[in-house]
Amino acid sequence: MRRPLRTALALTLSLAAAPALAQSCEGRLVEGPTILGGPVCAPADPQRILALDPTFSLGMALELGLPVVGAPLFGMSDASLKAKADAAGVESIGNFVEPSLETVVALQPDLILGAGMLGESVLAMASQIAPTVLIGAENWKDYFRVLAAATGREARAEAILADYETRVAELRPRVTEDPVSILRITSWDFQVYLDSPRAYGPFLVLRDLGVRRPAFETAQGEETMRRPDWEELAGLSGEVLLYIVGGANESDQNGRHEEVLAHPLWQALPAVQAGRVHRVDAATWMEFSGAASAHRVLDDVERYLLEAP
């Protein structure tokens, strides 16, 4: 596949600059295929870290015990992570979409962390303030390891992930063999996050556990989400149904999900007829932020998806 000219040129310039940067960097050289814009010379021991997203970067940085001074805390629906950030003295830089540049500058960060999806324009702007590492890894465990490597916390990250893997191994033999359907209800559509190689955080946790999903909710390629219409809800043929209402919006306040739950097509679903339907927390499932979120997903698995002893 041919790369767009702009991308190819950026990659060429990055590769050309890498040796010189490696020789001149007096801190930690952060590099790899998931680092947007190529190698970054980061501080060896950062003291004032700014997180540009309130999910992976903020949650994982706090889990690693990093000194986070700022993050976009406005509008978060994950009260647990918000409380953790407040307790750590993290100052809000506004919301994720429109952070306050003045606040960012005033915080005087020595390292800026964020998701690769923020793009080249954000990278260019943030890099004028402090070394900026934007991570493009989609798999939450890969992201965690890259962030840890960028800040010298590899051992702590591996210990945290080992605890997660140990709990997964303990639960896996007890997980129901019944197929499980999962649906997100928003104010405007239905969303099915798929069991796929590129699954989003909580659904990757379910994949690690071996949770079975119906054919309609699985994919083998690049697809990660489907937006079914009313008739396609019949594809939610699982014998257990977990559903999520909204997220960082008002979908849980405008009454649409109540209309959905009363609709005849919803009432006809196998899990609904069997009384095996459970609402799960949108903050956990839609603002997934690291190992703590993964363990909360495992908590839901223990509540709803384990076979009786």
C-alpha atoms as a PDB file:
ATOM      1  CA  MET A   1       0.000   0.000   0.000  1.00  0.00           C
ATOM      2  CA  ARG A   2       1.374   3.403  -0.964  1.00  0.00           C
ATOM      3  CA  ARG A   3       1.801   5.934   1.812  1.00  0.00           C
ATOM      4  CA  PRO A   4       0.423   9.453   1.294  1.00  0.00           C
ATOM      5  CA  LEU A   5       3.260  11.785   0.271  1.00  0.00           C
ATOM      6  CA  ARG A   6       3.010  13.829   3.483  1.00  0.00           C
ATOM      7  CA  THR A   7       3.239  10.734   5.679  1.00  0.00           C
ATOM      8  CA  ALA A   8       6.119   9.285   3.693  1.00  0.00           C
ATOM      9  CA  LEU A   9       8.046  12.572   3.857  1.00  0.00           C
ATOM     10  CA  ALA A  10       7.496  12.892   7.613  1.00  0.00           C
ATOM     11  CA  LEU A  11       8.706   9.330   8.149  1.00  0.00           C
ATOM     12  CA  THR A  12      11.787   9.917   5.998  1.00  0.00           C
ATOM     13  CA  LEU A  13      12.703  13.099   7.876  1.00  0.00           C
ATOM     14  CA  SER A  14      12.103  11.366  11.215  1.00  0.00           C
ATOM     15  CA  LEU A  15      14.370   8.452  10.345  1.00  0.00           C
ATOM     16  CA  ALA A  16      17.044  10.806   9.094  1.00  0.00           C
ATOM     17  CA  ALA A  17      16.959  12.869  12.280  1.00  0.00           C
ATOM     18  CA  ALA A  18      16.922   9.884  14.662  1.00  0.00           C
ATOM     19  CA  PRO A  19      20.706   9.235  14.858  1.00  0.00           C
ATOM     20  CA  ALA A  20      21.496  12.898  15.544  1.00  0.00           C
ATOM     21  CA  LEU A  21      18.788  13.111  18.194  1.00  0.00           C
ATOM     22  CA  ALA A  22      20.030   9.919  19.844  1.00  0.00           C
ATOM     23  CA  GLN A  23      23.518  11.412  20.148  1.00  0.00           C
ATOM     24  CA  SER A  24      22.373  14.795  21.446  1.00  0.00           C
ATOM     25  CA  CYS A  25      19.580  13.642  23.795  1.00  0.00           C
ATOM     26  CA  GLU A  26      20.675  13.989  27.415  1.00  0.00           C
ATOM     27  CA  GLY A  27      17.441  12.503  28.738  1.00  0.00           C
ATOM     28  CA  ARG A  28      15.416   9.509  27.557  1.00  0.00           C
ATOM     29  CA  LEU A  29      15.050   8.828  23.838  1.00  0.00           C
ATOM     30  CA  VAL A  30      11.458   7.720  23.196  1.00  0.00           C
ATOM     31  CA  GLU A  31      11.065   5.989  19.863  1.00  0.00           C
ATOM     32  CA  GLY A  32       9.171   3.246  18.102  1.00  0.00           C
ATOM     33  CA  PRO A  33       6.452   2.740  15.493  1.00  0.00           C
ATOM     34  CA  THR A  34       3.649   3.958  17.776  1.00  0.00           C
ATOM     35  CA  ILE A  35       5.287   7.308  18.606  1.00  0.00           C
ATOM     36  CA  LEU A  36       3.711  10.004  16.446  1.00  0.00           C
ATOM     37  CA  GLY A  37       6.305  12.153  14.718  1.00  0.00           C
ATOM     38  CA  GLY A  38       9.258   9.897  15.425  1.00  0.00           C
ATOM     39  CA  PRO A  39      11.830   9.914  18.244  1.00  0.00           C
ATOM     40  CA  VAL A  40      11.327  12.324  21.140  1.00  0.00           C
ATOM     41  CA  CYS A  41      13.980  13.400  23.625  1.00  0.00           C
ATOM     42  CA  ALA A  42      12.123  13.273  26.950  1.00  0.00           C
ATOM     43  CA  PRO A  43      13.419  14.086  30.437  1.00  0.00           C
ATOM     44  CA  ALA A  44      15.105  11.161  32.157  1.00  0.00           C
ATOM     45  CA  ASP A  45      13.059  11.848  35.298  1.00  0.00           C
ATOM     46  CA  PRO A  46      10.081  14.097  34.445  1.00  0.00           C
ATOM     47  CA  GLN A  47       8.714  16.133  37.333  1.00  0.00           C
ATOM     48  CA  ARG A  48       5.760  17.976  35.767  1.00  0.00           C
ATOM     49  CA  ILE A  49       3.767  15.820  33.350  1.00  0.00           C
ATOM     50  CA  LEU A  50       0.729  17.041  31.470  1.00  0.00           C
ATOM     51  CA  ALA A  51      -1.774  14.493  30.086  1.00  0.00           C
ATOM     52  CA  LEU A  52      -3.710  15.631  27.029  1.00  0.00           C
ATOM     53  CA  ASP A  53      -6.450  12.990  27.312  1.00  0.00           C
ATOM     54  CA  PRO A  54      -8.515  12.023  30.381  1.00  0.00           C
ATOM     55  CA  THR A  55      -8.430   8.284  29.669  1.00  0.00           C
ATOM     56  CA  PHE A  56      -5.348   6.222  28.747  1.00  0.00           C
ATOM     57  CA  SER A  57      -2.718   8.904  29.367  1.00  0.00           C
ATOM     58  CA  LEU A  58      -4.152  10.255  32.617  1.00  0.00           C
ATOM     59  CA  GLY A  59      -5.245   6.933  34.091  1.00  0.00           C
ATOM     60  CA  MET A  60      -2.069   5.049  33.261  1.00  0.00           C
ATOM     61  CA  ALA A  61       0.216   7.891  34.332  1.00  0.00           C
ATOM     62  CA  LEU A  62      -1.443   7.971  37.746  1.00  0.00           C
ATOM     63  CA  GLU A  63      -1.276   4.178  38.015  1.00  0.00           C
ATOM     64  CA  LEU A  64       2.457   4.411  37.382  1.00  0.00           C
ATOM     65  CA  GLY A  65       2.831   7.004  40.128  1.00  0.00           C
ATOM     66  CA  LEU A  66       3.940   9.735  37.740  1.00  0.00           C
ATOM     67  CA  PRO A  67       3.838  13.414  38.769  1.00  0.00           C
ATOM     68  CA  VAL A  68       0.880  14.605  36.673  1.00  0.00           C
ATOM     69  CA  VAL A  69       0.220  18.329  37.062  1.00  0.00           C
ATOM     70  CA  GLY A  70      -2.560  18.821  34.528  1.00  0.00           C
ATOM     71  CA  ALA A  71      -5.172  17.030  32.420  1.00  0.00           C
ATOM     72  CA  PRO A  72      -8.553  17.794  30.799  1.00  0.00           C
ATOM     73  CA  LEU A  73     -10.808  16.939  33.747  1.00  0.00           C
ATOM     74  CA  PHE A  74     -13.903  18.914  32.748  1.00  0.00           C
ATOM     75  CA  GLY A  75     -16.828  16.750  31.624  1.00  0.00           C
ATOM     76  CA  MET A  76     -15.407  13.418  32.814  1.00  0.00           C
ATOM     77  CA  SER A  77     -18.007  10.821  33.718  1.00  0.00           C
ATOM     78  CA  ASP A  78     -15.496   8.528  35.447  1.00  0.00           C
ATOM     79  CA  ALA A  79     -15.900   9.793  38.998  1.00  0.00           C
ATOM     80  CA  SER A  80     -13.326   7.323  40.311  1.00  0.00           C
ATOM     81  CA  LEU A  81     -10.552   8.564  38.033  1.00  0.00           C
ATOM     82  CA  LYS A  82     -11.595  12.182  38.587  1.00  0.00           C
ATOM     83  CA  ALA A  83     -11.321  11.686  42.359  1.00  0.00           C
ATOM     84  CA  LYS A  84      -7.916  10.064  41.947  1.00  0.00           C
ATOM     85  CA  ALA A  85      -6.726  12.981  39.826  1.00  0.00           C
ATOM     86  CA  ASP A  86      -8.044  15.522  42.334  1.00  0.00           C
ATOM     87  CA  ALA A  87      -6.318  13.695  45.192  1.00  0.00           C
ATOM     88  CA  ALA A  88      -3.053  13.793  43.234  1.00  0.00           C
ATOM     89  CA  GLY A  89      -3.359  17.560  42.787  1.00  0.00           C
ATOM     90  CA  VAL A  90      -3.946  17.407  39.035  1.00  0.00           C
ATOM     91  CA  GLU A  91      -5.188  20.752  37.722  1.00  0.00           C
ATOM     92  CA  SER A  92      -7.854  20.796  35.030  1.00  0.00           C
ATOM     93  CA  ILE A  93      -6.867  22.281  31.672  1.00  0.00           C
ATOM     94  CA  GLY A  94     -10.507  22.316  30.542  1.00  0.00           C
ATOM     95  CA  ASN A  95     -12.104  19.652  28.386  1.00  0.00           C
ATOM     96  CA  PHE A  96     -10.500  17.188  26.007  1.00  0.00           C
ATOM     97  CA  VAL A  97     -11.736  18.896  22.831  1.00  0.00           C
ATOM     98  CA  GLU A  98     -10.853  22.477  23.813  1.00  0.00           C
ATOM     99  CA  PRO A  99      -8.157  22.588  26.498  1.00  0.00           C
ATOM    100  CA  SER A 100      -6.969  25.931  27.797  1.00  0.00           C
ATOM    101  CA  LEU A 101      -3.625  26.751  26.199  1.00  0.00           C
ATOM    102  CA  GLU A 102      -3.032  29.438  28.813  1.00  0.00           C
ATOM    103  CA  THR A 103      -3.406  26.905  31.624  1.00  0.00           C
ATOM    104  CA  VAL A 104      -1.144  24.432  29.850  1.00  0.00           C
ATOM    105  CA  VAL A 105       1.606  27.032  29.517  1.00  0.00           C
ATOM    106  CA  ALA A 106       1.167  28.229  33.107  1.00  0.00           C
ATOM    107  CA  LEU A 107       1.626  24.691  34.436  1.00  0.00           C
ATOM    108  CA  GLN A 108       5.132  24.621  32.934  1.00  0.00           C
ATOM    109  CA  PRO A 109       5.168  20.905  32.083  1.00  0.00           C
ATOM    110  CA  ASP A 110       8.481  19.231  31.335  1.00  0.00           C
ATOM    111  CA  LEU A 111       6.769  16.360  29.489  1.00  0.00           C
ATOM    112  CA  ILE A 112       3.439  16.144  27.663  1.00  0.00           C
ATOM    113  CA  LEU A 113       1.705  12.803  27.073  1.00  0.00           C
ATOM    114  CA  GLY A 114      -1.279  12.043  24.881  1.00  0.00           C
ATOM    115  CA  ALA A 115      -2.971   9.751  22.396  1.00  0.00           C
ATOM    116  CA  GLY A 116      -1.755   9.597  18.815  1.00  0.00           C
ATOM    117  CA  MET A 117      -5.288  10.329  17.598  1.00  0.00           C
ATOM    118  CA  LEU A 118      -4.701  13.967  18.617  1.00  0.00           C
ATOM    119  CA  GLY A 119      -2.682  14.303  15.427  1.00  0.00           C
ATOM    120  CA  GLU A 120       0.217  16.225  13.990  1.00  0.00           C
ATOM    121  CA  SER A 121      -1.197  19.716  14.572  1.00  0.00           C
ATOM    122  CA  VAL A 122      -1.506  19.104  18.320  1.00  0.00           C
ATOM    123  CA  LEU A 123       1.950  17.529  18.352  1.00  0.00           C
ATOM    124  CA  ALA A 124       3.451  20.604  16.657  1.00  0.00           C
ATOM    125  CA  MET A 125       1.787  22.998  19.097  1.00  0.00           C
ATOM    126  CA  ALA A 126       2.477  21.008  22.254  1.00  0.00           C
ATOM    127  CA  SER A 127       6.107  20.410  21.297  1.00  0.00           C
ATOM    128  CA  GLN A 128       6.705  24.154  21.482  1.00  0.00           C
ATOM    129  CA  ILE A 129       5.836  23.973  25.188  1.00  0.00           C
ATOM    130  CA  ALA A 130       7.594  20.751  26.233  1.00  0.00           C
ATOM    131  CA  PRO A 131       8.768  17.426  24.783  1.00  0.00           C
ATOM    132  CA  THR A 132       5.587  15.706  23.631  1.00  0.00           C
ATOM    133  CA  VAL A 133       4.981  11.976  23.321  1.00  0.00           C
ATOM    134  CA  LEU A 134       1.794  11.048  21.463  1.00  0.00           C
ATOM    135  CA  ILE A 135       1.206   7.294  21.544  1.00  0.00           C
ATOM    136  CA  GLY A 136      -0.635   5.578  18.711  1.00  0.00           C
ATOM    137  CA  ALA A 137      -0.997   2.103  20.251  1.00  0.00           C
ATOM    138  CA  GLU A 138      -4.639   0.955  20.249  1.00  0.00           C
ATOM    139  CA  ASN A 139      -4.269  -2.084  22.498  1.00  0.00           C
ATOM    140  CA  TRP A 140      -4.461  -0.744  26.058  1.00  0.00           C
ATOM    141  CA  LYS A 141      -1.689  -3.025  27.313  1.00  0.00           C
ATOM    142  CA  ASP A 142       0.617  -1.918  24.492  1.00  0.00           C
ATOM    143  CA  TYR A 143      -0.177   1.720  25.290  1.00  0.00           C
ATOM    144  CA  PHE A 144       0.599   1.109  28.969  1.00  0.00           C
ATOM    145  CA  ARG A 145       3.988  -0.386  28.147  1.00  0.00           C
ATOM    146  CA  VAL A 146       4.906   2.425  25.747  1.00  0.00           C
ATOM    147  CA  LEU A 147       3.922   5.089  28.279  1.00  0.00           C
ATOM    148  CA  ALA A 148       5.914   3.282  30.967  1.00  0.00           C
ATOM    149  CA  ALA A 149       8.977   3.034  28.727  1.00  0.00           C
ATOM    150  CA  ALA A 150       8.707   6.753  27.935  1.00  0.00           C
ATOM    151  CA  THR A 151       8.854   7.601  31.654  1.00  0.00           C
ATOM    152  CA  GLY A 152      11.149   4.930  33.076  1.00  0.00           C
ATOM    153  CA  ARG A 153       8.404   2.979  34.839  1.00  0.00           C
ATOM    154  CA  GLU A 154       8.715  -0.329  32.964  1.00  0.00           C
ATOM    155  CA  ALA A 155       9.057  -2.520  36.072  1.00  0.00           C
ATOM    156  CA  ARG A 156       6.006  -0.994  37.737  1.00  0.00           C
ATOM    157  CA  ALA A 157       3.929  -1.401  34.577  1.00  0.00           C
ATOM    158  CA  GLU A 158       4.863  -5.061  34.265  1.00  0.00           C
ATOM    159  CA  ALA A 159       3.930  -5.687  37.894  1.00  0.00           C
ATOM    160  CA  ILE A 160       0.529  -4.048  37.379  1.00  0.00           C
ATOM    161  CA  LEU A 161      -0.103  -6.038  34.202  1.00  0.00           C
ATOM    162  CA  ALA A 162       1.013  -9.255  35.903  1.00  0.00           C
ATOM    163  CA  ASP A 163      -1.619  -8.709  38.611  1.00  0.00           C
ATOM    164  CA  TYR A 164      -4.228  -8.251  35.888  1.00  0.00           C
ATOM    165  CA  GLU A 165      -3.137 -11.410  34.037  1.00  0.00           C
ATOM    166  CA  THR A 166      -3.212 -13.392  37.284  1.00  0.00           C
ATOM    167  CA  ARG A 167      -6.812 -12.376  37.946  1.00  0.00           C
ATOM    168  CA  VAL A 168      -7.789 -13.133  34.340  1.00  0.00           C
ATOM    169  CA  ALA A 169      -6.264 -16.608  34.640  1.00  0.00           C
ATOM    170  CA  GLU A 170      -8.219 -17.232  37.846  1.00  0.00           C
ATOM    171  CA  LEU A 171     -11.534 -16.145  36.327  1.00  0.00           C
ATOM    172  CA  ARG A 172     -11.220 -17.667  32.855  1.00  0.00           C
ATOM    173  CA  PRO A 173     -12.186 -21.252  33.831  1.00  0.00           C
ATOM    174  CA  ARG A 174     -15.340 -19.976  35.548  1.00  0.00           C
ATOM    175  CA  VAL A 175     -16.635 -17.718  32.753  1.00  0.00           C
ATOM    176  CA  THR A 176     -19.960 -18.783  31.292  1.00  0.00           C
ATOM    177  CA  GLU A 177     -19.911 -20.611  27.977  1.00  0.00           C
ATOM    178  CA  ASP A 178     -23.196 -18.958  27.039  1.00  0.00           C
ATOM    179  CA  PRO A 179     -22.800 -16.297  24.314  1.00  0.00           C
ATOM    180  CA  VAL A 180     -22.860 -12.743  25.668  1.00  0.00           C
ATOM    181  CA  SER A 181     -24.243  -9.730  23.809  1.00  0.00           C
ATOM    182  CA  ILE A 182     -23.212  -6.154  24.583  1.00  0.00           C
ATOM    183  CA  LEU A 183     -24.901  -2.974  23.353  1.00  0.00           C
ATOM    184  CA  ARG A 184     -24.367   0.711  23.920  1.00  0.00           C
ATOM    185  CA  ILE A 185     -27.474   2.894  23.743  1.00  0.00           C
ATOM    186  CA  THR A 186     -26.906   6.573  22.981  1.00  0.00           C
ATOM    187  CA  SER A 187     -29.298   9.432  22.331  1.00  0.00           C
ATOM    188  CA  TRP A 188     -28.871   8.988  18.594  1.00  0.00           C
ATOM    189  CA  ASP A 189     -27.909   5.376  17.776  1.00  0.00           C
ATOM    190  CA  PHE A 190     -26.989   1.879  18.872  1.00  0.00           C
ATOM    191  CA  GLN A 191     -23.344   0.801  19.050  1.00  0.00           C
ATOM    192  CA  VAL A 192     -21.897  -2.701  19.197  1.00  0.00           C
ATOM    193  CA  TYR A 193     -18.198  -2.811  20.118  1.00  0.00           C
ATOM    194  CA  LEU A 194     -16.893  -5.962  18.527  1.00  0.00           C
ATOM    195  CA  ASP A 195     -14.842  -8.886  19.724  1.00  0.00           C
ATOM    196  CA  SER A 196     -11.979  -8.387  17.280  1.00  0.00           C
ATOM    197  CA  PRO A 197      -8.170  -8.307  17.228  1.00  0.00           C
ATOM    198  CA  ARG A 198      -8.352  -4.502  17.562  1.00  0.00           C
ATOM    199  CA  ALA A 199     -11.010  -4.534  20.289  1.00  0.00           C
ATOM    200  CA  TYR A 200     -11.390  -1.454  22.467  1.00  0.00           C
ATOM    201  CA  GLY A 201     -10.156  -1.801  26.075  1.00  0.00           C
ATOM    202  CA  PRO A 202     -13.036  -3.448  27.976  1.00  0.00           C
ATOM    203  CA  PHE A 203     -13.847  -5.744  25.071  1.00  0.00           C
ATOM    204  CA  LEU A 204     -10.218  -6.802  24.894  1.00  0.00           C
ATOM    205  CA  VAL A 205     -10.540  -7.755  28.565  1.00  0.00           C
ATOM    206  CA  LEU A 206     -13.495  -9.971  27.638  1.00  0.00           C
ATOM    207  CA  ARG A 207     -11.444 -11.425  24.795  1.00  0.00           C
ATOM    208  CA  ASP A 208      -8.639 -12.233  27.259  1.00  0.00           C
ATOM    209  CA  LEU A 209     -11.221 -14.078  29.358  1.00  0.00           C
ATOM    210  CA  GLY A 210     -12.538 -16.071  26.426  1.00  0.00           C
ATOM    211  CA  VAL A 211     -16.040 -14.601  26.668  1.00  0.00           C
ATOM    212  CA  ARG A 212     -18.087 -15.805  23.702  1.00  0.00           C
ATOM    213  CA  ARG A 213     -19.938 -13.236  21.601  1.00  0.00           C
ATOM    214  CA  PRO A 214     -22.551 -13.936  18.882  1.00  0.00           C
ATOM    215  CA  ALA A 215     -21.417 -13.908  15.234  1.00  0.00           C
ATOM    216  CA  PHE A 216     -22.973 -10.466  14.692  1.00  0.00           C
ATOM    217  CA  GLU A 217     -20.691  -9.076  17.410  1.00  0.00           C
ATOM    218  CA  THR A 218     -17.384 -10.516  16.182  1.00  0.00           C
ATOM    219  CA  ALA A 219     -14.906  -9.558  13.467  1.00  0.00           C
ATOM    220  CA  GLN A 220     -11.563 -10.861  12.266  1.00  0.00           C
ATOM    221  CA  GLY A 221     -10.284  -7.800  10.382  1.00  0.00           C
ATOM    222  CA  GLU A 222     -10.021  -4.075  11.032  1.00  0.00           C
ATOM    223  CA  GLU A 223     -13.640  -3.494  12.068  1.00  0.00           C
ATOM    224  CA  THR A 224     -14.122  -2.567  15.724  1.00  0.00           C
ATOM    225  CA  MET A 225     -17.712  -1.287  15.934  1.00  0.00           C
ATOM    226  CA  ARG A 226     -21.087  -1.642  14.233  1.00  0.00           C
ATOM    227  CA  ARG A 227     -24.091   0.643  14.426  1.00  0.00           C
ATOM    228  CA  PRO A 228     -27.147  -1.601  14.072  1.00  0.00           C
ATOM    229  CA  ASP A 229     -30.593  -0.299  13.231  1.00  0.00           C
ATOM    230  CA  TRP A 230     -33.688  -1.501  15.048  1.00  0.00           C
ATOM    231  CA  GLU A 231     -34.125  -4.586  12.890  1.00  0.00           C
ATOM    232  CA  GLU A 232     -30.466  -5.549  13.257  1.00  0.00           C
ATOM    233  CA  LEU A 233     -30.839  -5.707  17.025  1.00  0.00           C
ATOM    234  CA  ALA A 234     -31.972  -9.270  16.390  1.00  0.00           C
ATOM    235  CA  GLY A 235     -28.261 -10.031  15.924  1.00  0.00           C
ATOM    236  CA  LEU A 236     -27.882  -9.588  19.695  1.00  0.00           C
ATOM    237  CA  SER A 237     -28.634 -13.253  20.175  1.00  0.00           C
ATOM    238  CA  GLY A 238     -26.575 -13.786  23.315  1.00  0.00           C
ATOM    239  CA  GLU A 239     -28.110 -15.589  26.254  1.00  0.00           C
ATOM    240  CA  VAL A 240     -26.776 -12.811  28.483  1.00  0.00           C
ATOM    241  CA  LEU A 241     -27.031  -9.119  27.563  1.00  0.00           C
ATOM    242  CA  LEU A 242     -24.964  -6.287  29.031  1.00  0.00           C
ATOM    243  CA  TYR A 243     -25.952  -2.788  28.024  1.00  0.00           C
ATOM    244  CA  ILE A 244     -24.340   0.626  28.419  1.00  0.00           C
ATOM    245  CA  VAL A 245     -26.209   3.916  28.397  1.00  0.00           C
ATOM    246  CA  GLY A 246     -24.336   6.834  26.880  1.00  0.00           C
ATOM    247  CA  GLY A 247     -21.059   7.962  28.360  1.00  0.00           C
ATOM    248  CA  ALA A 248     -19.704  11.490  28.624  1.00  0.00           C
ATOM    249  CA  ASN A 249     -23.013  12.920  27.378  1.00  0.00           C
ATOM    250  CA  GLU A 250     -26.647  13.137  28.535  1.00  0.00           C
ATOM    251  CA  SER A 251     -27.872   9.878  27.010  1.00  0.00           C
ATOM    252  CA  ASP A 252     -28.842   8.592  30.436  1.00  0.00           C
ATOM    253  CA  GLN A 253     -31.022  11.628  31.163  1.00  0.00           C
ATOM    254  CA  ASN A 254     -33.201  12.159  28.085  1.00  0.00           C
ATOM    255  CA  GLY A 255     -35.259   8.986  28.404  1.00  0.00           C
ATOM    256  CA  ARG A 256     -34.317   7.309  25.121  1.00  0.00           C
ATOM    257  CA  HIS A 257     -32.883   4.217  26.786  1.00  0.00           C
ATOM    258  CA  GLU A 258     -36.125   3.783  28.691  1.00  0.00           C
ATOM    259  CA  GLU A 259     -38.012   3.852  25.387  1.00  0.00           C
ATOM    260  CA  VAL A 260     -35.586   1.268  23.983  1.00  0.00           C
ATOM    261  CA  LEU A 261     -36.047  -1.069  26.936  1.00  0.00           C
ATOM    262  CA  ALA A 262     -39.842  -0.901  26.494  1.00  0.00           C
ATOM    263  CA  HIS A 263     -39.762  -1.496  22.714  1.00  0.00           C
ATOM    264  CA  PRO A 264     -41.154  -4.825  21.398  1.00  0.00           C
ATOM    265  CA  LEU A 265     -37.951  -5.539  19.424  1.00  0.00           C
ATOM    266  CA  TRP A 266     -35.918  -5.208  22.636  1.00  0.00           C
ATOM    267  CA  GLN A 267     -38.406  -7.314  24.545  1.00  0.00           C
ATOM    268  CA  ALA A 268     -38.027 -10.054  21.925  1.00  0.00           C
ATOM    269  CA  LEU A 269     -34.284 -10.505  22.506  1.00  0.00           C
ATOM    270  CA  PRO A 270     -33.393 -13.919  24.004  1.00  0.00           C
ATOM    271  CA  ALA A 271     -31.562 -12.501  27.030  1.00  0.00           C
ATOM    272  CA  VAL A 272     -34.417 -10.100  27.793  1.00  0.00           C
ATOM    273  CA  GLN A 273     -36.950 -12.895  27.680  1.00  0.00           C
ATOM    274  CA  ALA A 274     -34.718 -14.977  29.961  1.00  0.00           C
ATOM    275  CA  GLY A 275     -34.283 -12.120  32.434  1.00  0.00           C
ATOM    276  CA  ARG A 276     -30.492 -12.098  31.996  1.00  0.00           C
ATOM    277  CA  VAL A 277     -29.999  -8.407  31.214  1.00  0.00           C
ATOM    278  CA  HIS A 278     -27.651  -6.142  33.155  1.00  0.00           C
ATOM    279  CA  ARG A 279     -26.773  -2.467  32.825  1.00  0.00           C
ATOM    280  CA  VAL A 280     -23.061  -1.739  33.281  1.00  0.00           C
ATOM    281  CA  ASP A 281     -21.332   1.533  34.097  1.00  0.00           C
ATOM    282  CA  ALA A 282     -20.587   3.785  31.121  1.00  0.00           C
ATOM    283  CA  ALA A 283     -17.645   5.380  32.929  1.00  0.00           C
ATOM    284  CA  THR A 284     -15.920   1.997  33.154  1.00  0.00           C
ATOM    285  CA  TRP A 285     -16.802   0.744  29.692  1.00  0.00           C
ATOM    286  CA  MET A 286     -16.691   3.963  27.632  1.00  0.00           C
ATOM    287  CA  GLU A 287     -13.908   5.900  29.401  1.00  0.00           C
ATOM    288  CA  PHE A 288     -11.543   2.983  29.826  1.00  0.00           C
ATOM    289  CA  SER A 289      -8.295   4.315  31.288  1.00  0.00           C
ATOM    290  CA  GLY A 290      -5.988   1.440  32.204  1.00  0.00           C
ATOM    291  CA  ALA A 291      -5.574  -1.367  34.701  1.00  0.00           C
ATOM    292  CA  ALA A 292      -8.070   0.065  37.191  1.00  0.00           C
ATOM    293  CA  SER A 293     -10.743   0.090  34.478  1.00  0.00           C
ATOM    294  CA  ALA A 294      -9.760  -3.441  33.476  1.00  0.00           C
ATOM    295  CA  HIS A 295     -10.306  -4.632  37.040  1.00  0.00           C
ATOM    296  CA  ARG A 296     -13.706  -2.944  37.158  1.00  0.00           C
ATOM    297  CA  VAL A 297     -14.637  -4.824  33.976  1.00  0.00           C
ATOM    298  CA  LEU A 298     -13.503  -7.997  35.743  1.00  0.00           C
ATOM    299  CA  ASP A 299     -15.740  -7.012  38.672  1.00  0.00           C
ATOM    300  CA  ASP A 300     -18.693  -6.918  36.254  1.00  0.00           C
ATOM    301  CA  VAL A 301     -17.661 -10.298  34.877  1.00  0.00           C
ATOM    302  CA  GLU A 302     -17.705 -11.701  38.415  1.00  0.00           C
ATOM    303  CA  ARG A 303     -21.180 -10.257  38.983  1.00  0.00           C
ATOM    304  CA  TYR A 304     -22.804 -11.325  35.736  1.00  0.00           C
ATOM    305  CA  LEU A 305     -20.786 -13.810  33.681  1.00  0.00           C
ATOM    306  CA  LEU A 306     -19.511 -16.538  35.969  1.00  0.00           C
ATOM    307  CA  GLU A 307     -20.971 -20.017  36.150  1.00  0.00           C
ATOM    308  CA  ALA A 308     -22.515 -20.939  39.490  1.00  0.00           C
ATOM    309  CA  PRO A 309     -20.017 -22.817  41.693  1.00  0.00           C
END
